[in-house]
Amino acid sequence: MVFEEKTIDSERIYEGKILNLRKDKVHVVGDKTSYREIVEHNGGVTIAAITDEGCMVMVRQFRKAAEKVVLEAPAGKIDGEEAPLTAAIRELKEETGYTAGRIEHLTSFYSSIGYSDEKLHLYLATDLLPGETCFDPSEAIDIYEYPLAELKKMVLNGEIEDAKTIAAILIACEKIEVK
């Protein structure tokens, strides 16, 4: 039987530009209380941008949390009250220079549901038109294009470690029927 925890008290511990952290006192199974630390995040988007040649546009950048350069699908946070689709269109253009003639919502999912409320929205972008990038001032991004079949092999071999990118690749492969 599923037990729904009820919040007894909530305290904001940290408030930042990208995320907030709160500590909730909750009622748990066995008539006891416990604490949950929750990262509050406005959400984000991930884009599986597929060229006419069947390649997926990828970005490579240094990620401080992992302390290394990571290969990822283009992605970014939702700004304020921005709609996820608007954020996806904006992030694709900013990070890759591409605009999509067609963009389709594939799914939405929580990035790490055990401690964060961040919800990511995955889009498939096709009929791509090249253009100029518009990186944020603090971004240093390299852009690559990989055949989807190669990316799928990289996922299965453990070469791609970013969860949103793994989801984007595998779902795009299913949608486009890549073996």
C-alpha atoms as a PDB file:
ATOM      1  CA  MET A   1       0.000   0.000   0.000  1.00  0.00           C
ATOM      2  CA  VAL A   2       1.301   3.447  -0.936  1.00  0.00           C
ATOM      3  CA  PHE A   3       1.642   5.915   1.904  1.00  0.00           C
ATOM      4  CA  GLU A   4       1.486   9.603   1.021  1.00  0.00           C
ATOM      5  CA  GLU A   5       3.721  11.737   3.191  1.00  0.00           C
ATOM      6  CA  LYS A   6       2.068  14.881   4.570  1.00  0.00           C
ATOM      7  CA  THR A   7       4.117  18.027   5.102  1.00  0.00           C
ATOM      8  CA  ILE A   8       4.032  19.277   8.678  1.00  0.00           C
ATOM      9  CA  ASP A   9       6.444  22.182   8.255  1.00  0.00           C
ATOM     10  CA  SER A  10       8.607  23.623   5.485  1.00  0.00           C
ATOM     11  CA  GLU A  11      11.691  25.839   5.727  1.00  0.00           C
ATOM     12  CA  ARG A  12      13.509  27.563   2.854  1.00  0.00           C
ATOM     13  CA  ILE A  13      17.220  26.932   3.453  1.00  0.00           C
ATOM     14  CA  TYR A  14      18.682  28.528   0.337  1.00  0.00           C
ATOM     15  CA  GLU A  15      17.386  30.755  -2.455  1.00  0.00           C
ATOM     16  CA  GLY A  16      19.461  31.085  -5.612  1.00  0.00           C
ATOM     17  CA  LYS A  17      19.277  32.175  -9.246  1.00  0.00           C
ATOM     18  CA  ILE A  18      18.765  28.657 -10.640  1.00  0.00           C
ATOM     19  CA  LEU A  19      17.389  26.699  -7.721  1.00  0.00           C
ATOM     20  CA  ASN A  20      16.125  26.859  -4.169  1.00  0.00           C
ATOM     21  CA  LEU A  21      16.531  24.344  -1.357  1.00  0.00           C
ATOM     22  CA  ARG A  22      13.887  23.641   1.242  1.00  0.00           C
ATOM     23  CA  LYS A  23      13.680  21.281   4.200  1.00  0.00           C
ATOM     24  CA  ASP A  24      10.275  19.693   4.811  1.00  0.00           C
ATOM     25  CA  LYS A  25       9.252  17.963   8.010  1.00  0.00           C
ATOM     26  CA  VAL A  26       6.905  15.168   6.952  1.00  0.00           C
ATOM     27  CA  HIS A  27       4.645  12.580   8.517  1.00  0.00           C
ATOM     28  CA  VAL A  28       5.876   9.108   7.450  1.00  0.00           C
ATOM     29  CA  VAL A  29       4.796   5.490   7.873  1.00  0.00           C
ATOM     30  CA  GLY A  30       4.493   4.279  11.443  1.00  0.00           C
ATOM     31  CA  ASP A  31       3.141   7.583  12.745  1.00  0.00           C
ATOM     32  CA  LYS A  32       6.655   9.072  12.772  1.00  0.00           C
ATOM     33  CA  THR A  33       8.212  12.197  11.321  1.00  0.00           C
ATOM     34  CA  SER A  34      11.219  12.632   9.087  1.00  0.00           C
ATOM     35  CA  TYR A  35      12.868  15.359   7.025  1.00  0.00           C
ATOM     36  CA  ARG A  36      13.118  15.704   3.249  1.00  0.00           C
ATOM     37  CA  GLU A  37      15.506  18.095   1.527  1.00  0.00           C
ATOM     38  CA  ILE A  38      13.974  19.231  -1.756  1.00  0.00           C
ATOM     39  CA  VAL A  39      15.694  21.081  -4.576  1.00  0.00           C
ATOM     40  CA  GLU A  40      13.176  23.429  -6.198  1.00  0.00           C
ATOM     41  CA  HIS A  41      13.831  24.111  -9.876  1.00  0.00           C
ATOM     42  CA  ASN A  42      11.695  25.878 -12.480  1.00  0.00           C
ATOM     43  CA  GLY A  43      12.165  23.022 -14.957  1.00  0.00           C
ATOM     44  CA  GLY A  44      13.920  22.718 -18.242  1.00  0.00           C
ATOM     45  CA  VAL A  45      13.868  21.455 -21.785  1.00  0.00           C
ATOM     46  CA  THR A  46      15.907  18.984 -23.804  1.00  0.00           C
ATOM     47  CA  ILE A  47      15.885  18.887 -27.572  1.00  0.00           C
ATOM     48  CA  ALA A  48      16.536  15.908 -29.845  1.00  0.00           C
ATOM     49  CA  ALA A  49      17.375  17.943 -32.962  1.00  0.00           C
ATOM     50  CA  ILE A  50      17.590  15.656 -35.989  1.00  0.00           C
ATOM     51  CA  THR A  51      19.106  16.772 -39.294  1.00  0.00           C
ATOM     52  CA  ASP A  52      17.777  15.693 -42.700  1.00  0.00           C
ATOM     53  CA  GLU A  53      20.708  13.245 -42.819  1.00  0.00           C
ATOM     54  CA  GLY A  54      19.523  11.472 -39.646  1.00  0.00           C
ATOM     55  CA  CYS A  55      22.150  12.966 -37.349  1.00  0.00           C
ATOM     56  CA  MET A  56      21.378  14.367 -33.912  1.00  0.00           C
ATOM     57  CA  VAL A  57      22.829  17.751 -33.015  1.00  0.00           C
ATOM     58  CA  MET A  58      24.846  17.486 -29.815  1.00  0.00           C
ATOM     59  CA  VAL A  59      26.774  19.916 -27.643  1.00  0.00           C
ATOM     60  CA  ARG A  60      29.947  19.346 -25.685  1.00  0.00           C
ATOM     61  CA  GLN A  61      30.700  21.518 -22.684  1.00  0.00           C
ATOM     62  CA  PHE A  62      32.402  21.467 -19.310  1.00  0.00           C
ATOM     63  CA  ARG A  63      30.040  20.661 -16.434  1.00  0.00           C
ATOM     64  CA  LYS A  64      31.280  21.746 -13.030  1.00  0.00           C
ATOM     65  CA  ALA A  65      29.128  19.254 -11.080  1.00  0.00           C
ATOM     66  CA  ALA A  66      30.788  16.351 -12.934  1.00  0.00           C
ATOM     67  CA  GLU A  67      34.171  18.134 -13.188  1.00  0.00           C
ATOM     68  CA  LYS A  68      34.526  17.154 -16.836  1.00  0.00           C
ATOM     69  CA  VAL A  69      33.495  17.838 -20.407  1.00  0.00           C
ATOM     70  CA  VAL A  70      30.203  16.110 -21.259  1.00  0.00           C
ATOM     71  CA  LEU A  71      28.443  15.305 -24.538  1.00  0.00           C
ATOM     72  CA  GLU A  72      24.783  16.341 -24.277  1.00  0.00           C
ATOM     73  CA  ALA A  73      21.632  17.069 -26.204  1.00  0.00           C
ATOM     74  CA  PRO A  74      20.921  20.809 -26.389  1.00  0.00           C
ATOM     75  CA  ALA A  75      19.029  21.806 -23.257  1.00  0.00           C
ATOM     76  CA  GLY A  76      18.363  24.598 -20.846  1.00  0.00           C
ATOM     77  CA  LYS A  77      16.204  25.960 -18.090  1.00  0.00           C
ATOM     78  CA  ILE A  78      12.768  27.459 -18.419  1.00  0.00           C
ATOM     79  CA  ASP A  79      12.900  31.176 -17.636  1.00  0.00           C
ATOM     80  CA  GLY A  80      10.210  32.444 -15.266  1.00  0.00           C
ATOM     81  CA  GLU A  81       6.723  31.808 -16.637  1.00  0.00           C
ATOM     82  CA  GLU A  82       8.072  30.815 -20.072  1.00  0.00           C
ATOM     83  CA  ALA A  83       6.221  27.948 -21.772  1.00  0.00           C
ATOM     84  CA  PRO A  84       8.327  24.790 -22.278  1.00  0.00           C
ATOM     85  CA  LEU A  85       7.893  24.952 -26.081  1.00  0.00           C
ATOM     86  CA  THR A  86       9.115  28.552 -26.128  1.00  0.00           C
ATOM     87  CA  ALA A  87      12.130  27.552 -24.028  1.00  0.00           C
ATOM     88  CA  ALA A  88      12.907  24.642 -26.386  1.00  0.00           C
ATOM     89  CA  ILE A  89      12.825  26.892 -29.455  1.00  0.00           C
ATOM     90  CA  ARG A  90      15.007  29.479 -27.685  1.00  0.00           C
ATOM     91  CA  GLU A  91      17.547  26.983 -26.325  1.00  0.00           C
ATOM     92  CA  LEU A  92      17.918  25.204 -29.687  1.00  0.00           C
ATOM     93  CA  LYS A  93      18.702  28.523 -31.376  1.00  0.00           C
ATOM     94  CA  GLU A  94      20.992  29.789 -28.604  1.00  0.00           C
ATOM     95  CA  GLU A  95      23.073  26.618 -28.286  1.00  0.00           C
ATOM     96  CA  THR A  96      23.177  25.319 -31.879  1.00  0.00           C
ATOM     97  CA  GLY A  97      22.083  28.148 -34.161  1.00  0.00           C
ATOM     98  CA  TYR A  98      19.364  25.917 -35.597  1.00  0.00           C
ATOM     99  CA  THR A  99      15.696  26.738 -35.882  1.00  0.00           C
ATOM    100  CA  ALA A 100      13.238  23.892 -36.368  1.00  0.00           C
ATOM    101  CA  GLY A 101      10.635  23.820 -39.100  1.00  0.00           C
ATOM    102  CA  ARG A 102       8.841  21.222 -36.996  1.00  0.00           C
ATOM    103  CA  ILE A 103       9.024  20.687 -33.239  1.00  0.00           C
ATOM    104  CA  GLU A 104       7.079  18.029 -31.349  1.00  0.00           C
ATOM    105  CA  HIS A 105       6.726  17.379 -27.629  1.00  0.00           C
ATOM    106  CA  LEU A 106       7.763  13.778 -26.919  1.00  0.00           C
ATOM    107  CA  THR A 107       7.484  13.449 -23.148  1.00  0.00           C
ATOM    108  CA  SER A 108       8.093  15.123 -19.796  1.00  0.00           C
ATOM    109  CA  PHE A 109       9.927  13.565 -16.862  1.00  0.00           C
ATOM    110  CA  TYR A 110      11.488  14.367 -13.495  1.00  0.00           C
ATOM    111  CA  SER A 111      15.280  14.608 -13.576  1.00  0.00           C
ATOM    112  CA  SER A 112      15.874  13.163 -10.106  1.00  0.00           C
ATOM    113  CA  ILE A 113      12.569  12.654  -8.318  1.00  0.00           C
ATOM    114  CA  GLY A 114      14.095  11.535  -5.019  1.00  0.00           C
ATOM    115  CA  TYR A 115      15.177  15.045  -4.067  1.00  0.00           C
ATOM    116  CA  SER A 116      14.229  17.503  -6.824  1.00  0.00           C
ATOM    117  CA  ASP A 117      10.998  18.804  -8.340  1.00  0.00           C
ATOM    118  CA  GLU A 118      12.769  19.652 -11.635  1.00  0.00           C
ATOM    119  CA  LYS A 119      10.649  18.509 -14.574  1.00  0.00           C
ATOM    120  CA  LEU A 120      12.219  18.275 -18.018  1.00  0.00           C
ATOM    121  CA  HIS A 121      10.285  18.509 -21.273  1.00  0.00           C
ATOM    122  CA  LEU A 122      11.721  16.589 -24.238  1.00  0.00           C
ATOM    123  CA  TYR A 123      11.143  17.824 -27.782  1.00  0.00           C
ATOM    124  CA  LEU A 124      11.931  16.381 -31.206  1.00  0.00           C
ATOM    125  CA  ALA A 125      13.086  19.086 -33.630  1.00  0.00           C
ATOM    126  CA  THR A 126      13.249  18.384 -37.358  1.00  0.00           C
ATOM    127  CA  ASP A 127      13.394  20.314 -40.655  1.00  0.00           C
ATOM    128  CA  LEU A 128      16.333  22.203 -39.210  1.00  0.00           C
ATOM    129  CA  LEU A 129      17.557  25.476 -40.667  1.00  0.00           C
ATOM    130  CA  PRO A 130      21.121  26.558 -39.748  1.00  0.00           C
ATOM    131  CA  GLY A 131      21.850  29.971 -38.291  1.00  0.00           C
ATOM    132  CA  GLU A 132      23.974  31.799 -35.752  1.00  0.00           C
ATOM    133  CA  THR A 133      24.359  30.666 -32.147  1.00  0.00           C
ATOM    134  CA  CYS A 134      23.681  33.043 -29.282  1.00  0.00           C
ATOM    135  CA  PHE A 135      25.509  31.560 -26.301  1.00  0.00           C
ATOM    136  CA  ASP A 136      24.995  32.927 -22.822  1.00  0.00           C
ATOM    137  CA  PRO A 137      28.057  35.023 -21.875  1.00  0.00           C
ATOM    138  CA  SER A 138      29.333  32.302 -19.512  1.00  0.00           C
ATOM    139  CA  GLU A 139      28.900  29.397 -21.981  1.00  0.00           C
ATOM    140  CA  ALA A 140      31.642  27.719 -24.018  1.00  0.00           C
ATOM    141  CA  ILE A 141      29.970  25.099 -26.224  1.00  0.00           C
ATOM    142  CA  ASP A 142      31.191  22.973 -29.131  1.00  0.00           C
ATOM    143  CA  ILE A 143      28.553  21.656 -31.539  1.00  0.00           C
ATOM    144  CA  TYR A 144      28.668  18.192 -33.150  1.00  0.00           C
ATOM    145  CA  GLU A 145      26.391  16.025 -35.245  1.00  0.00           C
ATOM    146  CA  TYR A 146      26.297  12.254 -34.751  1.00  0.00           C
ATOM    147  CA  PRO A 147      24.271   9.580 -36.545  1.00  0.00           C
ATOM    148  CA  LEU A 148      21.469   8.459 -34.206  1.00  0.00           C
ATOM    149  CA  ALA A 149      22.542   4.810 -34.495  1.00  0.00           C
ATOM    150  CA  GLU A 150      26.056   5.767 -33.299  1.00  0.00           C
ATOM    151  CA  LEU A 151      24.639   7.724 -30.364  1.00  0.00           C
ATOM    152  CA  LYS A 152      22.474   4.761 -29.378  1.00  0.00           C
ATOM    153  CA  LYS A 153      25.591   2.550 -29.310  1.00  0.00           C
ATOM    154  CA  MET A 154      27.383   5.178 -27.225  1.00  0.00           C
ATOM    155  CA  VAL A 155      24.503   5.132 -24.720  1.00  0.00           C
ATOM    156  CA  LEU A 156      24.534   1.335 -24.511  1.00  0.00           C
ATOM    157  CA  ASN A 157      28.341   1.339 -24.084  1.00  0.00           C
ATOM    158  CA  GLY A 158      28.154   3.824 -21.198  1.00  0.00           C
ATOM    159  CA  GLU A 159      29.897   6.594 -23.133  1.00  0.00           C
ATOM    160  CA  ILE A 160      27.036   9.060 -22.595  1.00  0.00           C
ATOM    161  CA  GLU A 161      26.418   9.737 -18.918  1.00  0.00           C
ATOM    162  CA  ASP A 162      23.874  12.562 -18.885  1.00  0.00           C
ATOM    163  CA  ALA A 163      20.402  11.197 -18.072  1.00  0.00           C
ATOM    164  CA  LYS A 164      18.403  13.732 -20.096  1.00  0.00           C
ATOM    165  CA  THR A 165      20.612  13.043 -23.112  1.00  0.00           C
ATOM    166  CA  ILE A 166      20.224   9.277 -22.723  1.00  0.00           C
ATOM    167  CA  ALA A 167      16.442   9.722 -22.643  1.00  0.00           C
ATOM    168  CA  ALA A 168      16.536  12.050 -25.658  1.00  0.00           C
ATOM    169  CA  ILE A 169      18.625   9.636 -27.730  1.00  0.00           C
ATOM    170  CA  LEU A 170      16.695   6.486 -26.893  1.00  0.00           C
ATOM    171  CA  ILE A 171      13.257   8.070 -27.310  1.00  0.00           C
ATOM    172  CA  ALA A 172      14.293   9.761 -30.578  1.00  0.00           C
ATOM    173  CA  CYS A 173      15.618   6.412 -31.851  1.00  0.00           C
ATOM    174  CA  GLU A 174      12.252   4.795 -31.132  1.00  0.00           C
ATOM    175  CA  LYS A 175      10.307   7.675 -32.657  1.00  0.00           C
ATOM    176  CA  ILE A 176      12.394   7.660 -35.825  1.00  0.00           C
ATOM    177  CA  GLU A 177      12.740   3.837 -35.780  1.00  0.00           C
ATOM    178  CA  VAL A 178      16.536   3.647 -35.597  1.00  0.00           C
ATOM    179  CA  LYS A 179      17.907   0.159 -34.981  1.00  0.00           C
END
